[in-house]
């Protein structure tokens, strides 16, 4: 099917009256010929939409809008659906761009396949440390963490670190461990360095992963800029017109700002600063930072680790590791201290918490500084395992759960192994969490998951993989409706970052960010959605894909 963008003069047939109305307002664009989902609070639809100077002017019927406006151009949707531009409420743009410069280990089915990809990369990139990301031992037959003997044999003189898909663990060779000054006696609070027969295995978990990664040289600014520009095209291609980058250092924030200021990047970003003392001091002193393309009004802190690496902090031991409850990446005293500092400012706090104990701790920290029924919109990111008895704290202090539905469909094959049959029943409980406030933002957490938001919609609505497994959906009672899923990626995602006044729905006065998918996700079968693509992406009224 093709779209038609033509002069209004060629479609004047839509003017039902016999003569042109002299009082019609001149505008840039009218979109018509399909179903336009406005994603406003009423979740209305329209036949047509008027755009001028990058903003939505009006939505309504074809007859009334063509009768009231004279447009320079018109876009015929040819029967397709039109949604507001999609917003990812939790992603990692910088990390996604970096992936373009590193070994891609996503989808590997064995450690041997990882090694083969690393060998291939090393023949093409012959200098500097070898960095990669994307492996997941849960996808392998062994289900166990790798050890670094083969890495040491292959690369005895070149530092190497391969990060797990979730970013909460890595495996490094001995050269990299030496650079980080890790040995068998090293203790890192909030991290773990497993040993085997008294020797480091090369695996570094949570704070240990972070510490080793920081010890290795990073890509140059020129390399990162080129990767970000390429990544921006990927975002537009999947229908994204905004996202929240969940935690960056100050230098990276201002580096992205500089690329936007010179026109190299046009993608609108909201970025949370990492909640380290330097960033806290700087941004709290200077206040919320905002340009046409960049907003910094939040901080990101990690409470615990990830479930797949057994770093999520649980109230009771892991079902498959009876002596272990996970890790507190940020100790409770520090978490309460950060909460107090941010409560005394105009900033938003957004805390990673996956385990039930981690979620309970964050709720306690928030409750210690927030007034009930506030509008601070402090968030808990992921909220994967929450004890239902903790739900009242979400409601009383208006704590917003922010979830990534593809985590459920990625983890469903092994999550019960970690949690056991009782805890799994209230894990990834998206419908229950949405009911707490009647709205909830959705994201992907890319590059942990795939960048394409169609998979967010698919996982939220069907809770199955592309083969239809499991029948009825994983914990299917917690699936979201199609309406809830689309709102979670548009209006509610915007609201979670205080963006709802300017974007997230196609209403008069808001940005004319919109997308046209190849099939209407609100009506299509699951297989059709899985095979769908975004055919058009518009940013402030201009086509970018």
Protein backbone atom coordinates (compact mmCIF):
# COMPACT_ATOMS: atom_id res chain seq x y z
CA UNK A 1 0.00 0.00 0.00
CA UNK A 2 1.29 3.48 -0.66
CA UNK A 3 0.71 6.77 1.05
CA UNK A 4 -0.16 9.89 -0.89
CA UNK A 5 1.16 13.30 0.08
CA UNK A 6 -0.27 15.85 -2.30
CA UNK A 7 -1.47 19.42 -2.61
CA UNK A 8 -4.90 20.17 -1.24
CA UNK A 9 -6.00 21.26 -4.70
CA UNK A 10 -5.99 17.65 -5.89
CA UNK A 11 -8.34 16.51 -3.14
CA UNK A 12 -10.82 19.34 -3.09
CA UNK A 13 -13.46 16.70 -3.74
CA UNK A 14 -13.61 16.36 0.03
CA UNK A 15 -15.15 19.78 0.29
CA UNK A 16 -18.83 18.91 0.29
CA UNK A 17 -19.94 22.43 -0.43
CA UNK A 18 -19.81 23.64 -4.00
CA UNK A 19 -17.64 26.68 -3.37
CA UNK A 20 -14.45 27.21 -1.39
CA UNK A 21 -14.99 28.85 1.97
CA UNK A 22 -13.01 32.12 1.93
CA UNK A 23 -12.43 32.06 5.68
CA UNK A 24 -10.52 28.78 5.82
CA UNK A 25 -7.31 28.99 7.86
CA UNK A 26 -4.03 28.18 6.11
CA UNK A 27 -2.15 25.25 7.66
CA UNK A 28 0.78 23.00 6.78
CA UNK A 29 -0.76 19.52 6.66
CA UNK A 30 -3.99 17.58 6.93
CA UNK A 31 -3.82 13.85 7.67
CA UNK A 32 -6.88 11.85 6.63
CA UNK A 33 -8.09 8.58 5.15
CA UNK A 34 -7.63 6.24 8.12
CA UNK A 35 -8.31 5.81 11.83
CA UNK A 36 -6.45 8.32 13.98
CA UNK A 37 -6.17 7.19 17.59
CA UNK A 38 -5.78 10.39 19.59
CA UNK A 39 -4.83 8.54 22.81
CA UNK A 40 -6.34 11.31 24.90
CA UNK A 41 -7.96 10.47 28.23
CA UNK A 42 -11.18 9.52 26.41
CA UNK A 43 -9.18 7.34 23.98
CA UNK A 44 -11.01 8.88 21.05
CA UNK A 45 -10.57 8.38 17.33
CA UNK A 46 -10.78 10.84 14.46
CA UNK A 47 -11.02 10.76 10.67
CA UNK A 48 -8.61 13.63 10.12
CA UNK A 49 -5.98 15.78 11.83
CA UNK A 50 -4.75 19.30 11.09
CA UNK A 51 -1.09 20.23 11.67
CA UNK A 52 0.60 23.62 11.56
CA UNK A 53 4.02 24.78 12.74
CA UNK A 54 4.77 21.33 14.14
CA UNK A 55 1.69 21.23 16.37
CA UNK A 56 -1.70 19.56 16.20
CA UNK A 57 -4.33 22.19 15.46
CA UNK A 58 -7.46 20.03 15.48
CA UNK A 59 -8.83 16.52 15.01
CA UNK A 60 -12.26 15.66 13.69
CA UNK A 61 -14.14 14.49 10.63
CA UNK A 62 -12.87 14.88 7.08
CA UNK A 63 -15.82 17.08 6.20
CA UNK A 64 -15.39 19.55 9.04
CA UNK A 65 -11.62 19.86 8.83
CA UNK A 66 -11.36 20.19 5.06
CA UNK A 67 -14.20 22.67 5.29
CA UNK A 68 -12.37 24.77 7.88
CA UNK A 69 -8.70 24.57 6.83
CA UNK A 70 -6.69 25.07 3.67
CA UNK A 71 -3.55 22.92 3.83
CA UNK A 72 -0.37 23.18 1.82
CA UNK A 73 -0.11 19.38 1.85
CA UNK A 74 -2.30 16.43 2.77
CA UNK A 75 -1.38 12.89 3.79
CA UNK A 76 -3.75 10.09 2.77
CA UNK A 77 -3.37 7.20 5.22
CA UNK A 78 -4.88 4.82 2.68
CA UNK A 79 -6.99 3.11 5.33
CA UNK A 80 -4.15 2.66 7.83
CA UNK A 81 -4.15 3.55 11.52
CA UNK A 82 -2.30 6.51 12.99
CA UNK A 83 -1.03 6.69 16.59
CA UNK A 84 0.77 9.37 18.56
CA UNK A 85 4.53 9.02 18.33
CA UNK A 86 5.60 6.17 20.59
CA UNK A 87 7.50 6.99 23.78
CA UNK A 88 9.76 4.52 25.55
CA UNK A 89 9.42 5.22 29.27
CA UNK A 90 12.61 3.34 30.20
CA UNK A 91 15.48 2.71 27.81
CA UNK A 92 19.23 3.20 27.44
CA UNK A 93 19.99 5.18 24.30
CA UNK A 94 23.70 5.62 25.04
CA UNK A 95 24.13 1.91 25.73
CA UNK A 96 22.24 0.99 22.56
CA UNK A 97 24.52 3.22 20.51
CA UNK A 98 27.56 1.66 22.15
CA UNK A 99 26.37 -1.76 21.04
CA UNK A 100 27.18 -0.74 17.49
CA UNK A 101 30.85 -0.53 18.48
CA UNK A 102 31.02 -3.83 20.36
CA UNK A 103 30.53 -7.56 19.98
CA UNK A 104 26.83 -8.33 19.71
CA UNK A 105 26.15 -11.49 21.72
CA UNK A 106 22.36 -11.19 21.64
CA UNK A 107 20.60 -14.46 20.86
CA UNK A 108 23.62 -16.71 21.36
CA UNK A 109 22.60 -20.27 22.22
CA UNK A 110 25.87 -21.41 23.79
CA UNK A 111 29.15 -20.17 25.22
CA UNK A 112 30.89 -21.57 22.14
CA UNK A 113 28.77 -19.32 19.93
CA UNK A 114 29.81 -16.35 22.07
CA UNK A 115 33.47 -17.26 21.62
CA UNK A 116 33.04 -17.54 17.86
CA UNK A 117 31.51 -14.08 17.64
CA UNK A 118 34.32 -12.67 19.77
CA UNK A 119 36.95 -14.26 17.52
CA UNK A 120 35.29 -12.79 14.44
CA UNK A 121 35.12 -9.33 16.03
CA UNK A 122 38.77 -9.47 17.10
CA UNK A 123 39.93 -10.13 13.54
CA UNK A 124 38.14 -6.96 12.38
CA UNK A 125 38.94 -4.74 15.36
CA UNK A 126 42.55 -5.50 16.16
CA UNK A 127 43.37 -2.88 18.81
CA UNK A 128 41.98 -1.85 22.17
CA UNK A 129 39.88 -3.79 24.66
CA UNK A 130 37.27 -6.20 23.38
CA UNK A 131 33.87 -5.34 24.79
CA UNK A 132 30.60 -7.11 24.10
CA UNK A 133 27.11 -7.55 25.43
CA UNK A 134 24.05 -9.72 25.07
CA UNK A 135 24.71 -13.26 26.36
CA UNK A 136 22.21 -14.95 28.66
CA UNK A 137 23.17 -18.25 30.23
CA UNK A 138 19.49 -19.04 30.71
CA UNK A 139 19.26 -19.50 26.93
CA UNK A 140 22.02 -22.14 26.94
CA UNK A 141 21.73 -25.85 27.64
CA UNK A 142 24.06 -25.53 30.65
CA UNK A 143 22.18 -22.61 32.31
CA UNK A 144 25.39 -21.81 34.20
CA UNK A 145 27.68 -18.80 34.17
CA UNK A 146 30.71 -19.20 31.91
CA UNK A 147 34.25 -19.09 33.24
CA UNK A 148 37.14 -17.30 31.61
CA UNK A 149 39.69 -20.05 30.85
CA UNK A 150 39.01 -19.99 27.10
CA UNK A 151 39.05 -16.19 27.05
CA UNK A 152 42.48 -16.24 28.69
CA UNK A 153 43.77 -18.72 26.12
CA UNK A 154 42.40 -16.76 23.16
CA UNK A 155 43.38 -13.30 24.41
CA UNK A 156 46.28 -13.52 26.86
CA UNK A 157 47.37 -9.91 26.32
CA UNK A 158 44.22 -8.01 25.36
CA UNK A 159 41.61 -6.96 27.95
CA UNK A 160 38.17 -8.39 27.32
CA UNK A 161 34.81 -8.04 29.07
CA UNK A 162 31.51 -9.51 27.88
CA UNK A 163 28.41 -8.14 29.59
CA UNK A 164 25.28 -10.16 30.24
CA UNK A 165 22.09 -9.08 28.44
CA UNK A 166 20.72 -7.29 31.53
CA UNK A 167 23.86 -5.26 32.19
CA UNK A 168 24.14 -6.64 35.72
CA UNK A 169 26.93 -9.17 35.17
CA UNK A 170 29.91 -9.76 32.90
CA UNK A 171 32.70 -12.23 32.33
CA UNK A 172 36.22 -10.86 31.92
CA UNK A 173 39.59 -12.35 31.12
CA UNK A 174 42.49 -12.18 33.55
CA UNK A 175 44.01 -9.16 31.78
CA UNK A 176 40.87 -7.14 32.46
CA UNK A 177 40.66 -8.42 36.04
CA UNK A 178 44.25 -7.28 36.61
CA UNK A 179 43.51 -3.81 35.21
CA UNK A 180 40.59 -3.56 37.65
CA UNK A 181 42.91 -4.81 40.44
CA UNK A 182 40.56 -7.66 41.27
CA UNK A 183 41.85 -10.75 43.05
CA UNK A 184 40.45 -13.55 45.19
CA UNK A 185 40.37 -11.34 48.30
CA UNK A 186 38.64 -8.36 46.67
CA UNK A 187 35.36 -7.39 48.30
CA UNK A 188 33.02 -4.93 46.61
CA UNK A 189 29.90 -3.92 48.57
CA UNK A 190 26.83 -4.53 46.43
CA UNK A 191 28.76 -6.83 44.11
CA UNK A 192 29.93 -10.42 43.82
CA UNK A 193 33.09 -12.01 42.41
CA UNK A 194 32.47 -15.78 42.24
CA UNK A 195 35.41 -18.15 42.66
CA UNK A 196 35.98 -21.77 41.65
CA UNK A 197 38.65 -23.85 43.35
CA UNK A 198 39.93 -20.69 44.99
CA UNK A 199 40.34 -18.76 41.73
CA UNK A 200 38.26 -15.97 40.22
CA UNK A 201 36.01 -17.28 37.46
CA UNK A 202 36.02 -13.94 35.66
CA UNK A 203 32.34 -13.34 36.41
CA UNK A 204 31.58 -9.96 37.99
CA UNK A 205 28.08 -9.21 39.27
CA UNK A 206 26.39 -5.83 39.88
CA UNK A 207 28.77 -3.37 41.59
CA UNK A 208 31.72 -5.59 40.66
CA UNK A 209 30.58 -5.50 37.03
CA UNK A 210 30.27 -1.73 37.21
CA UNK A 211 33.71 -1.33 38.79
CA UNK A 212 35.48 -3.48 36.20
CA UNK A 213 33.71 -1.85 33.28
CA UNK A 214 34.75 1.62 34.49
CA UNK A 215 38.39 0.52 34.66
CA UNK A 216 38.59 -0.20 30.91
CA UNK A 217 39.05 2.45 28.20
CA UNK A 218 35.90 3.55 26.41
CA UNK A 219 35.26 4.53 22.80
CA UNK A 220 36.25 7.99 21.59
CA UNK A 221 33.74 10.84 21.46
CA UNK A 222 33.82 10.76 17.66
CA UNK A 223 33.03 7.04 17.64
CA UNK A 224 30.19 7.49 20.11
CA UNK A 225 28.75 10.46 18.19
CA UNK A 226 28.64 8.47 14.95
CA UNK A 227 27.03 5.53 16.74
CA UNK A 228 24.40 7.78 18.31
CA UNK A 229 23.51 9.35 14.97
CA UNK A 230 23.07 5.87 13.50
CA UNK A 231 21.05 4.79 16.53
CA UNK A 232 18.73 7.78 16.11
CA UNK A 233 17.71 6.43 12.71
CA UNK A 234 16.86 3.10 14.32
CA UNK A 235 14.59 4.86 16.81
CA UNK A 236 12.63 6.67 14.12
CA UNK A 237 12.35 3.45 12.09
CA UNK A 238 10.47 1.68 14.89
CA UNK A 239 8.15 4.62 15.58
CA UNK A 240 9.84 6.14 18.60
CA UNK A 241 9.59 9.92 18.91
CA UNK A 242 10.71 10.23 22.52
CA UNK A 243 12.30 8.21 25.28
CA UNK A 244 13.65 8.39 28.80
CA UNK A 245 17.28 7.32 29.14
CA UNK A 246 17.47 5.67 32.53
CA UNK A 247 20.63 6.98 34.13
CA UNK A 248 23.74 8.64 32.71
CA UNK A 249 26.78 10.48 34.06
CA UNK A 250 26.93 14.23 33.73
CA UNK A 251 29.56 14.23 30.97
CA UNK A 252 27.44 12.01 28.74
CA UNK A 253 24.35 14.13 29.32
CA UNK A 254 26.12 17.28 28.18
CA UNK A 255 27.77 15.41 25.30
CA UNK A 256 24.32 14.44 24.00
CA UNK A 257 23.18 18.02 24.59
CA UNK A 258 26.07 19.28 22.44
CA UNK A 259 25.12 16.93 19.58
CA UNK A 260 21.55 18.19 19.75
CA UNK A 261 22.65 21.82 19.84
CA UNK A 262 24.66 21.48 16.62
CA UNK A 263 21.89 19.56 14.86
CA UNK A 264 23.57 16.15 14.74
CA UNK A 265 20.80 14.68 16.87
CA UNK A 266 17.16 15.72 16.53
CA UNK A 267 15.61 13.00 18.70
CA UNK A 268 13.90 14.34 21.87
CA UNK A 269 15.32 12.80 25.03
CA UNK A 270 14.60 12.94 28.71
CA UNK A 271 17.64 11.78 30.66
CA UNK A 272 17.92 10.83 34.30
CA UNK A 273 21.25 11.67 35.87
CA UNK A 274 22.88 8.88 37.80
CA UNK A 275 22.40 9.48 41.52
CA UNK A 276 26.08 9.88 42.39
CA UNK A 277 27.23 12.75 44.59
CA UNK A 278 28.72 14.74 41.72
CA UNK A 279 25.53 14.62 39.66
CA UNK A 280 23.33 15.23 42.70
CA UNK A 281 25.37 18.29 43.69
CA UNK A 282 25.44 19.73 40.18
CA UNK A 283 21.85 19.30 39.08
CA UNK A 284 20.22 20.08 42.42
CA UNK A 285 22.25 23.30 42.57
CA UNK A 286 21.41 24.33 39.00
CA UNK A 287 17.85 23.00 38.83
CA UNK A 288 15.90 21.21 36.12
CA UNK A 289 17.68 21.48 32.76
CA UNK A 290 15.51 21.82 29.68
CA UNK A 291 15.98 22.63 26.00
CA UNK A 292 13.77 21.96 22.99
CA UNK A 293 15.26 18.47 22.73
CA UNK A 294 16.58 17.58 26.17
CA UNK A 295 15.06 17.42 29.64
CA UNK A 296 16.95 16.52 32.82
CA UNK A 297 14.54 16.46 35.73
CA UNK A 298 15.15 13.06 37.32
CA UNK A 299 17.74 10.86 38.99
CA UNK A 300 18.25 7.12 38.68
CA UNK A 301 19.40 4.88 41.51
CA UNK A 302 19.78 1.11 41.67
CA UNK A 303 18.40 -0.68 44.70
CA UNK A 304 19.15 -4.27 43.68
CA UNK A 305 20.33 -6.36 40.75
CA UNK A 306 18.56 -8.52 38.17
CA UNK A 307 16.65 -11.76 38.56
CA UNK A 308 18.50 -13.62 35.82
CA UNK A 309 21.87 -13.07 37.53
CA UNK A 310 20.30 -13.72 40.97
CA UNK A 311 21.02 -10.15 41.99
CA UNK A 312 17.39 -9.15 42.62
CA UNK A 313 16.95 -8.73 46.39
CA UNK A 314 14.34 -11.15 47.74
CA UNK A 315 12.59 -11.45 51.09
CA UNK A 316 13.26 -15.20 51.12
CA UNK A 317 16.12 -17.15 49.50
CA UNK A 318 16.16 -18.01 45.83
CA UNK A 319 14.29 -21.18 44.95
CA UNK A 320 17.37 -22.43 43.06
CA UNK A 321 20.00 -21.09 45.51
CA UNK A 322 18.85 -21.63 49.04
CA UNK A 323 21.65 -19.69 50.73
CA UNK A 324 21.19 -16.52 48.68
CA UNK A 325 18.71 -13.63 48.69
CA UNK A 326 20.39 -11.37 46.15
CA UNK A 327 22.22 -8.06 46.40
CA UNK A 328 21.57 -4.56 47.62
CA UNK A 329 23.43 -2.49 45.04
CA UNK A 330 22.76 0.63 47.10
CA UNK A 331 22.66 0.08 50.85
CA UNK A 332 19.57 1.18 52.71
CA UNK A 333 21.19 4.12 54.51
CA UNK A 334 22.42 5.56 51.23
CA UNK A 335 19.04 4.99 49.58
CA UNK A 336 17.27 6.92 52.34
CA UNK A 337 19.88 9.69 52.10
CA UNK A 338 19.39 10.05 48.34
CA UNK A 339 15.62 10.08 48.76
CA UNK A 340 15.87 12.92 51.27
CA UNK A 341 18.15 15.00 49.06
CA UNK A 342 15.89 14.66 46.04
CA UNK A 343 12.74 15.23 48.09
CA UNK A 344 14.17 18.62 49.03
CA UNK A 345 14.57 19.52 45.34
CA UNK A 346 12.32 19.75 42.28
CA UNK A 347 13.65 16.51 40.83
CA UNK A 348 12.02 13.13 40.33
CA UNK A 349 13.49 9.94 41.80
CA UNK A 350 13.40 6.72 39.77
CA UNK A 351 14.71 3.59 41.45
CA UNK A 352 15.50 0.20 39.95
CA UNK A 353 13.93 -2.50 42.11
CA UNK A 354 13.21 -6.03 40.91
CA UNK A 355 13.02 -8.29 43.97
CA UNK A 356 10.20 -8.15 46.52
CA UNK A 357 12.58 -7.06 49.28
CA UNK A 358 14.11 -4.43 47.00
CA UNK A 359 10.67 -3.04 46.17
CA UNK A 360 9.67 -2.98 49.84
CA UNK A 361 12.85 -1.12 50.76
CA UNK A 362 12.34 1.51 48.06
CA UNK A 363 8.73 2.03 49.13
CA UNK A 364 9.92 2.52 52.69
CA UNK A 365 12.53 5.08 51.60
CA UNK A 366 9.97 6.96 49.53
CA UNK A 367 7.43 6.93 52.36
CA UNK A 368 10.00 8.45 54.71
CA UNK A 369 10.17 11.68 52.66
CA UNK A 370 7.02 11.95 50.54
CA UNK A 371 3.68 13.36 51.57
CA UNK A 372 0.69 11.15 50.87
CA UNK A 373 -1.24 11.95 47.70
CA UNK A 374 1.60 13.98 46.18
CA UNK A 375 2.27 14.65 42.49
CA UNK A 376 6.02 14.03 42.54
CA UNK A 377 5.57 10.93 40.33
CA UNK A 378 8.46 9.08 41.91
CA UNK A 379 8.84 5.77 40.16
CA UNK A 380 9.95 2.23 40.80
CA UNK A 381 11.53 0.82 37.69
CA UNK A 382 10.74 -2.80 36.78
CA UNK A 383 8.75 -3.76 39.92
CA UNK A 384 8.99 -7.36 38.78
CA UNK A 385 8.37 -9.12 42.09
CA UNK A 386 6.13 -7.20 44.47
CA UNK A 387 4.37 -8.69 47.48
CA UNK A 388 0.68 -7.71 47.28
CA UNK A 389 0.81 -6.55 50.90
CA UNK A 390 3.13 -3.76 49.69
CA UNK A 391 0.59 -2.44 47.17
CA UNK A 392 -0.97 0.03 49.66
CA UNK A 393 2.32 1.94 49.87
CA UNK A 394 2.26 2.46 46.10
CA UNK A 395 -1.22 3.92 46.44
CA UNK A 396 -0.71 6.04 49.54
CA UNK A 397 2.43 7.80 48.30
CA UNK A 398 1.49 7.79 44.60
CA UNK A 399 4.54 5.73 43.66
CA UNK A 400 4.39 4.91 39.96
CA UNK A 401 5.33 1.38 38.86
CA UNK A 402 7.19 1.53 35.54
CA UNK A 403 7.34 -1.82 33.75
CA UNK A 404 8.80 -3.39 30.64
CA UNK A 405 6.46 -6.13 29.37
CA UNK A 406 9.09 -7.95 27.31
CA UNK A 407 10.89 -8.76 30.56
CA UNK A 408 7.98 -11.07 31.36
CA UNK A 409 8.14 -12.89 28.03
CA UNK A 410 11.95 -13.10 28.09
CA UNK A 411 12.09 -14.37 31.68
CA UNK A 412 9.04 -16.67 31.65
CA UNK A 413 11.07 -19.76 30.67
CA UNK A 414 13.16 -19.70 33.86
CA UNK A 415 11.63 -17.18 36.29
CA UNK A 416 9.85 -19.88 38.30
CA UNK A 417 13.21 -21.62 38.80
CA UNK A 418 14.41 -18.47 40.59
CA UNK A 419 11.23 -17.70 42.52
CA UNK A 420 9.34 -20.96 43.03
CA UNK A 421 5.62 -21.54 42.47
CA UNK A 422 4.30 -19.15 45.14
CA UNK A 423 6.28 -16.01 44.33
CA UNK A 424 5.94 -16.42 40.57
CA UNK A 425 2.17 -15.98 40.98
CA UNK A 426 2.61 -12.30 41.85
CA UNK A 427 5.57 -11.57 39.58
CA UNK A 428 5.30 -9.41 36.46
CA UNK A 429 1.81 -8.50 37.69
CA UNK A 430 1.20 -5.69 35.23
CA UNK A 431 -2.58 -5.56 35.38
CA UNK A 432 -2.50 -5.53 39.18
CA UNK A 433 0.10 -2.76 39.16
CA UNK A 434 -1.85 -0.70 36.63
CA UNK A 435 -4.93 -0.91 38.85
CA UNK A 436 -3.06 0.91 41.64
CA UNK A 437 -3.39 4.30 39.91
CA UNK A 438 -5.32 3.58 36.72
CA UNK A 439 -2.29 4.37 34.55
CA UNK A 440 1.22 3.00 34.11
CA UNK A 441 4.14 3.75 31.77
CA UNK A 442 5.64 1.03 29.58
CA UNK A 443 9.15 0.74 28.18
CA UNK A 444 11.57 -1.72 26.64
CA UNK A 445 14.78 -1.28 28.68
CA UNK A 446 16.66 -1.62 25.39
CA UNK A 447 19.32 -2.85 24.71
CA UNK A 448 18.39 -5.36 27.42
CA UNK A 449 15.37 -6.12 25.21
CA UNK A 450 14.68 -5.40 21.56
CA UNK A 451 14.32 -1.75 20.62
CA UNK A 452 11.05 -2.14 18.70
CA UNK A 453 8.04 -1.06 20.81
CA UNK A 454 5.74 -3.41 18.90
CA UNK A 455 7.18 -6.13 21.15
CA UNK A 456 6.19 -4.08 24.20
CA UNK A 457 2.62 -4.05 22.91
CA UNK A 458 2.75 -7.74 21.95
CA UNK A 459 4.11 -8.87 25.31
CA UNK A 460 1.74 -6.68 27.31
CA UNK A 461 -1.37 -7.88 25.46
CA UNK A 462 -0.59 -11.53 24.72
CA UNK A 463 2.16 -12.45 27.26
CA UNK A 464 3.40 -15.10 24.82
CA UNK A 465 6.34 -15.62 22.53
CA UNK A 466 5.91 -15.55 18.75
CA UNK A 467 5.17 -19.28 18.76
CA UNK A 468 2.13 -18.74 20.99
CA UNK A 469 3.81 -20.17 24.10
CA UNK A 470 2.45 -20.56 26.68
CA UNK A 471 -1.18 -21.19 25.84
CA UNK A 472 -3.28 -18.55 27.56
CA UNK A 473 -0.24 -16.40 28.24
CA UNK A 474 2.35 -16.36 31.03
CA UNK A 475 0.34 -15.49 34.17
CA UNK A 476 -2.27 -14.49 31.63
CA UNK A 477 -4.58 -12.87 34.16
CA UNK A 478 -2.08 -10.00 34.28
CA UNK A 479 -2.17 -9.16 30.58
CA UNK A 480 -3.10 -5.61 29.60
CA UNK A 481 -5.83 -4.63 27.19
CA UNK A 482 -4.84 -3.20 23.81
CA UNK A 483 -6.06 0.20 24.92
CA UNK A 484 -3.96 0.06 28.09
CA UNK A 485 -0.89 -1.08 26.17
CA UNK A 486 -1.11 1.72 23.60
CA UNK A 487 -1.73 4.35 26.28
CA UNK A 488 1.24 2.97 28.23
CA UNK A 489 3.45 3.70 25.22
CA UNK A 490 2.00 7.14 24.52
CA UNK A 491 0.06 9.31 26.99
CA UNK A 492 1.02 7.42 30.13
CA UNK A 493 4.68 7.20 29.13
CA UNK A 494 4.63 10.97 28.61
CA UNK A 495 2.87 11.54 31.93
CA UNK A 496 5.48 9.51 33.79
CA UNK A 497 8.08 12.11 32.79
CA UNK A 498 5.85 15.22 33.12
CA UNK A 499 5.67 15.43 29.32
CA UNK A 500 1.90 15.07 28.97
CA UNK A 501 1.38 18.77 28.34
CA UNK A 502 3.36 18.65 25.10
CA UNK A 503 3.19 15.10 23.73
CA UNK A 504 1.77 11.62 24.20
CA UNK A 505 -1.59 12.29 22.55
CA UNK A 506 -2.83 13.91 19.36
CA UNK A 507 -4.64 16.89 20.84
CA UNK A 508 -4.75 20.55 19.88
CA UNK A 509 -1.61 22.37 20.99
CA UNK A 510 0.55 19.27 21.35
CA UNK A 511 3.49 18.22 19.21
CA UNK A 512 2.58 16.66 15.88
CA UNK A 513 4.53 13.47 16.55
CA UNK A 514 2.75 10.51 14.98
CA UNK A 515 3.34 7.10 13.43
CA UNK A 516 1.59 4.87 10.91
CA UNK A 517 2.04 1.09 11.39
CA UNK A 518 1.55 -1.41 8.58
CA UNK A 519 -1.36 -2.98 10.49
CA UNK A 520 -3.62 -1.59 13.18
CA UNK A 521 -2.35 -3.10 16.43
CA UNK A 522 -5.72 -2.35 17.99
CA UNK A 523 -7.43 -4.78 15.62
CA UNK A 524 -4.80 -7.13 14.14
CA UNK A 525 -4.08 -10.73 15.06
CA UNK A 526 -1.01 -11.48 17.16
CA UNK A 527 0.93 -12.88 14.20
CA UNK A 528 0.14 -9.79 12.14
CA UNK A 529 1.44 -7.51 14.88
CA UNK A 530 4.61 -9.58 15.18
CA UNK A 531 5.21 -9.17 11.44
CA UNK A 532 4.26 -5.49 11.34
CA UNK A 533 6.49 -2.50 10.68
CA UNK A 534 6.24 1.23 11.13
CA UNK A 535 5.71 2.72 7.68
CA UNK A 536 5.79 6.42 8.57
CA UNK A 537 7.18 8.40 11.50
CA UNK A 538 6.57 12.14 11.82
CA UNK A 539 8.33 14.40 14.32
CA UNK A 540 6.84 17.86 14.91
CA UNK A 541 4.98 17.56 11.62
CA UNK A 542 7.99 16.51 9.54
CA UNK A 543 8.59 13.04 8.15
CA UNK A 544 11.70 11.41 9.67
CA UNK A 545 11.04 7.84 8.52
